[in-house]
């Protein structure tokens, strides 16, 4: 098992440095040995996405979905892949599935007496949710800039 973990770590290093073809080759080799490795399957789909091969990313994403059909990240990734491929309807479907998976996880945590976690802030800006713009800054009044009324020449 340590050998498979090393292979996965090497593939993820390649992914993190933008060597997507090398990451894909390593992830495929790992999956040939252990087809049920969910993390490797998920990473394979994301590697194809980063290469711009959205069709293959979607196919690999659905393989991850078969391994864990109610996993939030699977549906988040599929939503992203479909959106980039131009299929907004299917992207929205998987976005909803991701939200449902999140609620399901929160309900399971509540049953176990664990507080639900806040939504993680992804390190990839493409995966981050849009945030509302902050209101414009209000500056404090500056009494030294106030004009004195005409005829009032008293010193302050």
Protein backbone atom coordinates (compact mmCIF):
# COMPACT_ATOMS: atom_id res chain seq x y z
CA UNK A 1 0.00 0.00 0.00
CA UNK A 2 2.87 2.40 0.73
CA UNK A 3 4.05 1.92 -2.87
CA UNK A 4 0.64 3.01 -4.18
CA UNK A 5 0.66 6.00 -1.85
CA UNK A 6 4.11 6.96 -3.16
CA UNK A 7 2.83 6.68 -6.72
CA UNK A 8 -0.14 8.86 -5.87
CA UNK A 9 2.09 11.42 -4.14
CA UNK A 10 4.41 11.53 -7.18
CA UNK A 11 1.46 12.02 -9.50
CA UNK A 12 0.09 14.81 -7.33
CA UNK A 13 3.49 16.50 -7.29
CA UNK A 14 3.48 16.45 -11.10
CA UNK A 15 -0.08 17.81 -11.09
CA UNK A 16 0.88 20.62 -8.72
CA UNK A 17 3.79 21.65 -10.95
CA UNK A 18 1.63 21.67 -14.10
CA UNK A 19 3.06 18.44 -15.54
CA UNK A 20 -0.39 17.11 -16.35
CA UNK A 21 0.69 14.49 -18.91
CA UNK A 22 3.10 12.95 -16.40
CA UNK A 23 0.45 13.09 -13.66
CA UNK A 24 -2.05 11.40 -15.98
CA UNK A 25 0.39 8.61 -16.85
CA UNK A 26 1.16 7.97 -13.17
CA UNK A 27 -2.50 8.08 -12.13
CA UNK A 28 -3.45 5.66 -14.92
CA UNK A 29 -0.68 3.27 -13.83
CA UNK A 30 -1.90 3.48 -10.23
CA UNK A 31 -5.51 2.85 -11.29
CA UNK A 32 -4.40 -0.17 -13.35
CA UNK A 33 -3.13 -1.67 -10.08
CA UNK A 34 -5.98 -0.44 -7.88
CA UNK A 35 -9.09 0.49 -9.94
CA UNK A 36 -11.06 1.41 -6.81
CA UNK A 37 -8.66 4.17 -5.72
CA UNK A 38 -11.11 7.05 -5.44
CA UNK A 39 -8.57 9.82 -4.89
CA UNK A 40 -6.55 8.76 -7.94
CA UNK A 41 -9.69 8.60 -10.07
CA UNK A 42 -10.78 12.04 -8.92
CA UNK A 43 -7.31 13.47 -9.59
CA UNK A 44 -7.23 11.90 -13.05
CA UNK A 45 -10.39 13.75 -14.03
CA UNK A 46 -8.98 17.03 -12.71
CA UNK A 47 -5.71 16.45 -14.60
CA UNK A 48 -7.58 16.12 -17.88
CA UNK A 49 -9.60 19.22 -16.99
CA UNK A 50 -6.41 21.23 -16.40
CA UNK A 51 -5.14 20.08 -19.81
CA UNK A 52 -8.33 21.40 -21.37
CA UNK A 53 -9.63 17.95 -22.36
CA UNK A 54 -13.11 18.43 -20.94
CA UNK A 55 -14.66 15.37 -22.64
CA UNK A 56 -12.14 13.00 -21.04
CA UNK A 57 -12.36 14.88 -17.74
CA UNK A 58 -16.13 14.27 -17.73
CA UNK A 59 -15.66 10.57 -18.52
CA UNK A 60 -13.10 10.18 -15.71
CA UNK A 61 -15.32 12.19 -13.37
CA UNK A 62 -18.18 9.76 -13.96
CA UNK A 63 -15.85 6.87 -13.10
CA UNK A 64 -15.20 8.59 -9.74
CA UNK A 65 -18.96 9.05 -9.37
CA UNK A 66 -19.44 5.28 -9.72
CA UNK A 67 -16.96 4.76 -6.86
CA UNK A 68 -18.66 7.31 -4.55
CA UNK A 69 -21.99 8.46 -6.00
CA UNK A 70 -22.87 10.77 -3.10
CA UNK A 71 -19.50 12.48 -2.73
CA UNK A 72 -19.74 16.26 -2.86
CA UNK A 73 -16.38 16.78 -4.59
CA UNK A 74 -17.31 14.40 -7.42
CA UNK A 75 -20.33 16.49 -8.31
CA UNK A 76 -18.49 19.77 -7.79
CA UNK A 77 -15.85 18.63 -10.28
CA UNK A 78 -18.42 17.33 -12.76
CA UNK A 79 -20.28 20.62 -12.55
CA UNK A 80 -17.07 22.49 -13.35
CA UNK A 81 -16.18 20.11 -16.20
CA UNK A 82 -19.62 20.36 -17.79
CA UNK A 83 -19.67 24.15 -17.45
CA UNK A 84 -16.32 24.44 -19.24
CA UNK A 85 -17.58 22.01 -21.91
CA UNK A 86 -20.56 24.32 -22.51
CA UNK A 87 -23.30 22.12 -21.03
CA UNK A 88 -24.81 24.48 -18.47
CA UNK A 89 -27.91 22.35 -17.78
CA UNK A 90 -25.87 19.28 -16.79
CA UNK A 91 -23.44 21.51 -14.89
CA UNK A 92 -26.33 22.89 -12.84
CA UNK A 93 -27.59 19.35 -12.20
CA UNK A 94 -24.24 18.32 -10.74
CA UNK A 95 -24.01 21.59 -8.81
CA UNK A 96 -27.31 20.70 -7.17
CA UNK A 97 -26.08 17.15 -6.50
CA UNK A 98 -23.01 18.64 -4.79
CA UNK A 99 -25.24 20.80 -2.58
CA UNK A 100 -27.41 17.80 -1.68
CA UNK A 101 -24.29 15.78 -0.83
CA UNK A 102 -23.18 18.63 1.44
CA UNK A 103 -26.55 18.63 3.23
CA UNK A 104 -26.43 14.86 3.55
CA UNK A 105 -22.96 15.08 5.12
CA UNK A 106 -24.11 17.81 7.52
CA UNK A 107 -27.12 15.70 8.53
CA UNK A 108 -24.86 12.70 9.22
CA UNK A 109 -22.59 14.87 11.34
CA UNK A 110 -25.56 16.21 13.26
CA UNK A 111 -26.72 12.66 13.99
CA UNK A 112 -23.25 11.86 15.27
CA UNK A 113 -23.26 14.99 17.44
CA UNK A 114 -20.55 16.72 15.43
CA UNK A 115 -20.96 20.32 14.32
CA UNK A 116 -21.18 20.70 10.55
CA UNK A 117 -18.11 22.24 9.04
CA UNK A 118 -18.15 25.52 7.19
CA UNK A 119 -17.65 25.32 3.46
CA UNK A 120 -13.95 25.07 2.71
CA UNK A 121 -12.41 27.89 0.73
CA UNK A 122 -10.76 26.19 -2.21
CA UNK A 123 -7.25 27.18 -3.16
CA UNK A 124 -8.25 27.14 -6.84
CA UNK A 125 -9.99 30.45 -7.60
CA UNK A 126 -12.10 28.74 -10.29
CA UNK A 127 -13.71 26.62 -7.60
CA UNK A 128 -14.36 29.47 -5.18
CA UNK A 129 -17.90 30.76 -4.86
CA UNK A 130 -18.56 34.34 -5.85
CA UNK A 131 -18.54 36.69 -2.88
CA UNK A 132 -20.64 39.85 -2.66
CA UNK A 133 -18.79 43.09 -3.16
CA UNK A 134 -18.13 44.94 0.08
CA UNK A 135 -19.93 48.26 0.54
CA UNK A 136 -17.88 51.34 -0.32
CA UNK A 137 -15.65 52.54 2.49
CA UNK A 138 -16.99 55.43 4.54
CA UNK A 139 -14.41 57.84 5.76
CA UNK A 140 -14.81 59.59 9.10
CA UNK A 141 -15.73 63.21 9.13
CA UNK A 142 -12.76 65.53 9.05
CA UNK A 143 -13.62 68.54 11.20
CA UNK A 144 -10.49 70.43 10.17
CA UNK A 145 -11.83 70.53 6.60
CA UNK A 146 -15.19 71.97 7.57
CA UNK A 147 -15.76 75.48 6.36
CA UNK A 148 -16.66 78.03 8.96
CA UNK A 149 -19.77 80.06 8.19
CA UNK A 150 -19.09 83.63 6.99
CA UNK A 151 -18.82 86.07 9.82
CA UNK A 152 -17.72 83.38 12.35
CA UNK A 153 -14.03 84.08 12.81
CA UNK A 154 -13.65 82.55 16.26
CA UNK A 155 -10.60 80.38 16.76
CA UNK A 156 -11.08 76.79 17.78
